[in-house]
Amino acid sequence: PSHTPPDTAPTQTLFAPRQEPCKSAENLAGMATEAATTPAPPIPPNNTIYVNNLNERVNVEELKKALSHVFAQFGKILEIQASKTLKRRGQAWVIFDNVKSAEKSLKEMQGFNFYNKPMRLAFAKVKSDVVAKRDGTFVPRPEKKHKKKKGKKRKVETKETKKQNGKSKKSAPPAPHSAAPTIRGMAGVVPGMNPAPMSFPPRAPAGPNRVLFVENLPLQCSAEELNAIFGGKPGFRDTRVIGVRNVAFVDFENEYTATMAMNQLGDEVEIRGQPITISYAKQ
């Protein structure tokens, strides 16, 4: 007997090529965030300390002197760079003779309250010129070309042209003699007023009181060394040394005994051969 073949055709298996999984927008964003948060390599210790968050109202020359006074305790300073330009305002670079001094200053002065603002310190990214010249690695930088701004030329008007154009202006009347002088004008007249105090920390001259302020102390000056000078004076009470600033406060019973001690000691007082300065402390 004959058999009828089935109507169904044999099935064929199709193999689709393998596809890579599609990266979603969230995955891409995560990869970008991970790349952005990768910490930059740390700056190796070097001779130069970069200081920022400085008080922008302080005069540049006064700022340099104050920084020198504060950082000199850590070692020899080759140079202090600061500028009054808008781009570099509030910043400075303290260049030490060796790296150990820079490391110590960075550790101890981080966050130090300087002119009512905490200092932020870091090692400089670029070697300073003064160190590069000493090492023999200095390469002069190319000079920047300044573009000249094109401005409109002002017309110079003579008296005749002013009369012709009717633009003659009346001069301002002189100030009356009874007008009160300005602070700038009084600075050289009123005793004790200084328009640009050069001391650090900035303070107005204090009046007589029972506490004396001692400045310019040698490094690591102890209370015992100060007590050897002030301890024998009538009314002496206590000595407080601020080592990080090389200053101290000496307490007496009253204003009279403090004044008497300061007058007896005079201006020629030394500790380990270094002259110190004595004045009234600001209350």
Protein backbone atom coordinates (compact mmCIF):
# COMPACT_ATOMS: atom_id res chain seq x y z
CA PRO A 1 0.00 0.00 0.00
CA SER A 2 1.10 3.49 -0.83
CA HIS A 3 1.64 6.05 1.89
CA THR A 4 0.85 9.71 1.37
CA PRO A 5 3.70 11.99 2.58
CA PRO A 6 2.72 14.55 5.20
CA ASP A 7 1.97 18.12 4.08
CA THR A 8 4.19 19.74 6.71
CA ALA A 9 7.64 20.90 5.62
CA PRO A 10 10.65 20.36 7.88
CA THR A 11 11.37 23.31 10.26
CA GLN A 12 14.66 25.26 10.01
CA THR A 13 16.44 26.67 13.05
CA LEU A 14 17.70 30.27 12.58
CA PHE A 15 20.68 31.54 14.68
CA ALA A 16 20.64 35.36 15.33
CA PRO A 17 24.03 37.06 15.73
CA ARG A 18 25.02 37.87 19.34
CA GLN A 19 24.43 41.51 20.27
CA GLU A 20 26.25 43.51 22.91
CA PRO A 21 23.98 44.76 25.70
CA CYS A 22 22.99 48.39 25.20
CA LYS A 23 24.40 50.75 27.86
CA SER A 24 21.63 52.78 29.37
CA ALA A 25 21.82 56.50 30.03
CA GLU A 26 22.08 55.76 33.76
CA ASN A 27 25.15 53.59 33.21
CA LEU A 28 26.80 56.28 31.10
CA ALA A 29 26.06 58.91 33.73
CA GLY A 30 27.53 56.68 36.42
CA MET A 31 30.73 56.20 34.42
CA ALA A 32 31.06 59.96 33.90
CA THR A 33 30.56 60.61 37.62
CA GLU A 34 33.18 58.01 38.53
CA ALA A 35 35.70 59.62 36.18
CA ALA A 36 34.96 63.08 37.56
CA THR A 37 35.31 62.00 41.19
CA THR A 38 38.66 60.28 40.65
CA PRO A 39 41.04 62.17 42.98
CA ALA A 40 43.90 64.02 41.38
CA PRO A 41 47.39 62.81 42.27
CA PRO A 42 48.72 64.58 45.40
CA ILE A 43 51.22 67.39 44.93
CA PRO A 44 54.64 66.29 46.22
CA PRO A 45 56.18 68.35 49.04
CA ASN A 46 58.36 71.20 47.82
CA ASN A 47 59.86 74.50 48.99
CA THR A 48 56.85 76.68 48.15
CA ILE A 49 53.63 76.98 50.18
CA TYR A 50 50.54 78.34 48.45
CA VAL A 51 48.38 80.40 50.84
CA ASN A 52 44.85 81.53 50.02
CA ASN A 53 41.70 82.80 51.73
CA LEU A 54 43.65 85.85 52.86
CA ASN A 55 42.01 89.13 53.78
CA GLU A 56 41.81 91.10 50.52
CA ARG A 57 41.56 94.45 52.29
CA VAL A 58 45.09 94.26 53.71
CA ASN A 59 47.76 96.27 51.90
CA VAL A 60 50.13 94.04 49.90
CA GLU A 61 53.32 95.30 51.56
CA GLU A 62 51.80 94.95 55.01
CA LEU A 63 50.58 91.46 54.07
CA LYS A 64 54.10 90.38 53.07
CA LYS A 65 55.59 91.68 56.32
CA ALA A 66 52.92 89.94 58.39
CA LEU A 67 53.41 86.64 56.51
CA SER A 68 57.16 86.90 57.01
CA HIS A 69 56.62 87.49 60.73
CA VAL A 70 54.35 84.44 61.03
CA PHE A 71 56.28 81.95 58.86
CA ALA A 72 59.84 82.91 59.86
CA GLN A 73 59.60 80.62 62.89
CA PHE A 74 59.72 77.55 60.60
CA GLY A 75 62.96 78.38 58.78
CA LYS A 76 64.69 80.69 56.33
CA ILE A 77 62.36 82.33 53.80
CA LEU A 78 63.76 83.02 50.34
CA GLU A 79 60.86 85.08 49.03
CA ILE A 80 57.20 85.95 49.61
CA GLN A 81 55.09 86.68 46.54
CA ALA A 82 51.79 88.55 46.67
CA SER A 83 50.01 90.80 44.22
CA LYS A 84 47.27 93.42 44.36
CA THR A 85 45.84 92.44 40.98
CA LEU A 86 42.25 91.24 40.97
CA LYS A 87 43.21 87.75 39.76
CA ARG A 88 45.76 87.13 42.54
CA ARG A 89 44.13 89.06 45.36
CA GLY A 90 43.77 87.09 48.60
CA GLN A 91 46.65 84.74 47.69
CA ALA A 92 50.36 84.49 48.44
CA TRP A 93 53.33 82.17 47.94
CA VAL A 94 55.84 81.60 50.74
CA ILE A 95 59.12 80.13 49.43
CA PHE A 96 61.35 78.41 52.00
CA ASP A 97 65.02 77.54 51.74
CA ASN A 98 64.30 73.83 52.29
CA VAL A 99 61.38 71.39 52.03
CA LYS A 100 61.33 70.46 55.74
CA SER A 101 60.50 74.03 56.73
CA ALA A 102 57.66 74.10 54.21
CA GLU A 103 56.26 70.78 55.46
CA LYS A 104 56.33 71.95 59.09
CA SER A 105 54.61 75.26 58.29
CA LEU A 106 51.89 73.47 56.30
CA LYS A 107 51.18 71.16 59.22
CA GLU A 108 51.12 73.78 61.98
CA MET A 109 49.63 76.82 60.20
CA GLN A 110 46.70 75.15 58.43
CA GLY A 111 43.55 77.06 59.44
CA PHE A 112 45.50 79.71 61.41
CA ASN A 113 43.36 82.80 62.02
CA PHE A 114 45.15 85.52 60.05
CA TYR A 115 43.55 88.97 59.89
CA ASN A 116 40.24 87.43 61.02
CA LYS A 117 40.23 84.75 58.29
CA PRO A 118 41.48 81.12 58.50
CA MET A 119 44.40 80.49 56.17
CA ARG A 120 44.26 77.60 53.68
CA LEU A 121 47.65 76.12 52.82
CA ALA A 122 48.89 73.69 50.15
CA PHE A 123 52.10 72.89 48.34
CA ALA A 124 52.55 74.91 45.15
CA LYS A 125 52.00 73.07 41.86
CA VAL A 126 54.90 74.73 40.07
CA LYS A 127 58.49 75.21 41.23
CA SER A 128 59.19 78.85 42.01
CA ASP A 129 61.67 80.80 39.89
CA VAL A 130 63.99 81.55 42.80
CA VAL A 131 64.35 77.81 43.57
CA ALA A 132 64.69 76.89 39.88
CA LYS A 133 67.47 79.45 39.42
CA ARG A 134 69.27 78.03 42.44
CA ASP A 135 68.92 74.47 41.12
CA GLY A 136 69.93 75.43 37.60
CA THR A 137 66.60 74.30 36.11
CA PHE A 138 65.16 77.73 35.39
CA VAL A 139 63.60 78.22 31.94
CA PRO A 140 62.40 81.74 31.05
CA ARG A 141 58.69 81.91 30.36
CA PRO A 142 57.50 83.41 27.07
CA GLU A 143 56.28 86.96 27.44
CA LYS A 144 52.58 87.51 27.05
CA LYS A 145 51.50 89.95 24.37
CA HIS A 146 49.03 92.47 25.67
CA LYS A 147 46.39 93.55 23.23
CA LYS A 148 45.86 97.27 23.05
CA LYS A 149 42.32 98.29 23.67
CA LYS A 150 40.88 100.52 21.03
CA GLY A 151 39.24 103.45 22.69
CA LYS A 152 37.64 106.58 21.42
CA LYS A 153 39.89 109.58 21.36
CA ARG A 154 38.68 112.40 23.51
CA LYS A 155 38.38 115.72 21.84
CA VAL A 156 40.50 118.42 23.45
CA GLU A 157 38.46 121.54 23.72
CA THR A 158 40.04 124.94 24.06
CA LYS A 159 38.44 127.91 25.76
CA GLU A 160 37.36 129.30 22.42
CA THR A 161 35.63 126.10 21.34
CA LYS A 162 33.91 125.84 24.71
CA LYS A 163 32.53 129.34 24.30
CA GLN A 164 31.40 128.56 20.79
CA ASN A 165 29.68 125.35 21.81
CA GLY A 166 28.26 126.89 24.96
CA LYS A 167 29.79 124.21 27.12
CA SER A 168 31.64 126.37 29.58
CA LYS A 169 31.22 124.91 33.04
CA LYS A 170 31.29 126.78 36.27
CA SER A 171 34.04 125.68 38.65
CA ALA A 172 32.95 124.14 41.92
CA PRO A 173 32.94 126.55 44.87
CA PRO A 174 35.81 126.08 47.34
CA ALA A 175 35.06 124.17 50.51
CA PRO A 176 34.33 126.37 53.52
CA HIS A 177 37.07 126.69 56.12
CA SER A 178 34.77 125.29 58.77
CA ALA A 179 34.41 121.94 56.97
CA ALA A 180 35.52 118.98 59.07
CA PRO A 181 38.78 117.38 57.89
CA THR A 182 38.70 113.81 56.57
CA ILE A 183 40.25 110.85 58.35
CA ARG A 184 43.05 110.73 55.77
CA GLY A 185 43.83 114.37 56.41
CA MET A 186 43.83 113.89 60.16
CA ALA A 187 46.15 110.87 60.08
CA GLY A 188 49.31 112.94 60.25
CA VAL A 189 47.94 115.35 62.86
CA VAL A 190 46.27 113.29 65.55
CA PRO A 191 48.91 111.52 67.68
CA GLY A 192 48.75 107.75 67.65
CA MET A 193 46.75 107.53 64.40
CA ASN A 194 48.38 105.48 61.67
CA PRO A 195 46.58 105.09 58.34
CA ALA A 196 48.49 101.87 57.51
CA PRO A 197 49.51 99.98 60.64
CA MET A 198 52.39 97.59 59.95
CA SER A 199 52.14 95.44 63.07
CA PHE A 200 50.70 91.95 63.25
CA PRO A 201 48.11 91.21 64.33
CA PRO A 202 46.65 94.59 63.32
CA ARG A 203 45.70 96.45 66.45
CA ALA A 204 45.22 100.03 67.53
CA PRO A 205 47.58 101.42 70.15
CA ALA A 206 46.24 100.27 73.51
CA GLY A 207 45.93 102.51 76.53
CA PRO A 208 47.54 101.78 79.89
CA ASN A 209 46.17 98.66 81.60
CA ARG A 210 47.37 95.81 83.84
CA VAL A 211 48.36 93.43 80.98
CA LEU A 212 51.60 93.83 79.00
CA PHE A 213 52.04 92.51 75.46
CA VAL A 214 55.50 91.09 74.60
CA GLU A 215 56.50 90.64 70.93
CA ASN A 216 59.46 89.35 68.91
CA LEU A 217 60.23 86.47 71.24
CA PRO A 218 62.88 83.92 70.17
CA LEU A 219 61.71 80.53 68.94
CA GLN A 220 60.37 78.18 71.63
CA CYS A 221 60.57 80.85 74.29
CA SER A 222 59.33 79.48 77.64
CA ALA A 223 57.35 81.09 80.42
CA GLU A 224 60.30 80.54 82.75
CA GLU A 225 62.50 82.82 80.60
CA LEU A 226 59.88 85.57 80.79
CA ASN A 227 59.34 85.03 84.51
CA ALA A 228 63.06 85.64 85.01
CA ILE A 229 62.50 89.15 83.61
CA PHE A 230 59.06 90.06 84.97
CA GLY A 231 58.73 87.77 87.99
CA GLY A 232 60.64 90.04 90.34
CA LYS A 233 58.57 93.13 89.56
CA PRO A 234 55.97 94.30 92.09
CA GLY A 235 52.43 93.15 91.30
CA PHE A 236 53.47 90.34 88.92
CA ARG A 237 50.83 87.62 88.55
CA ASP A 238 51.19 85.35 85.53
CA THR A 239 52.73 84.84 82.07
CA ARG A 240 50.97 83.35 79.02
CA VAL A 241 53.11 82.43 76.00
CA ILE A 242 51.61 82.07 72.50
CA GLY A 243 54.35 79.98 70.91
CA VAL A 244 53.00 79.83 67.37
CA ARG A 245 53.11 83.64 67.15
CA ASN A 246 56.20 84.26 69.32
CA VAL A 247 54.30 86.62 71.62
CA ALA A 248 53.25 86.58 75.26
CA PHE A 249 50.95 88.33 77.76
CA VAL A 250 52.19 89.29 81.22
CA ASP A 251 49.52 89.98 83.88
CA PHE A 252 49.98 92.39 86.80
CA GLU A 253 47.72 93.31 89.71
CA ASN A 254 46.83 96.73 88.34
CA GLU A 255 47.69 99.35 85.77
CA TYR A 256 50.16 101.10 88.07
CA THR A 257 52.36 98.03 88.67
CA ALA A 258 52.29 97.11 84.96
CA THR A 259 53.35 100.63 83.98
CA MET A 260 56.07 100.68 86.60
CA ALA A 261 57.48 97.34 85.35
CA MET A 262 57.49 98.53 81.74
CA ASN A 263 59.23 101.78 82.65
CA GLN A 264 61.87 99.98 84.75
CA LEU A 265 62.70 97.52 81.96
CA GLY A 266 62.89 100.20 79.25
CA ASP A 267 63.43 99.49 75.54
CA GLU A 268 66.63 97.42 75.75
CA VAL A 269 65.36 94.04 76.93
CA GLU A 270 66.78 90.87 75.36
CA ILE A 271 66.13 87.13 75.57
CA ARG A 272 68.97 84.95 74.28
CA GLY A 273 70.45 88.01 72.58
CA GLN A 274 67.23 88.88 70.73
CA PRO A 275 65.60 92.25 71.53
CA ILE A 276 61.95 92.02 72.56
CA THR A 277 59.19 94.65 72.40
CA ILE A 278 56.96 95.46 75.39
CA SER A 279 53.71 97.43 75.18
CA TYR A 280 50.23 97.49 76.65
CA ALA A 281 47.93 94.68 75.53
CA LYS A 282 44.68 95.47 73.80
CA GLN A 283 41.76 94.87 76.16
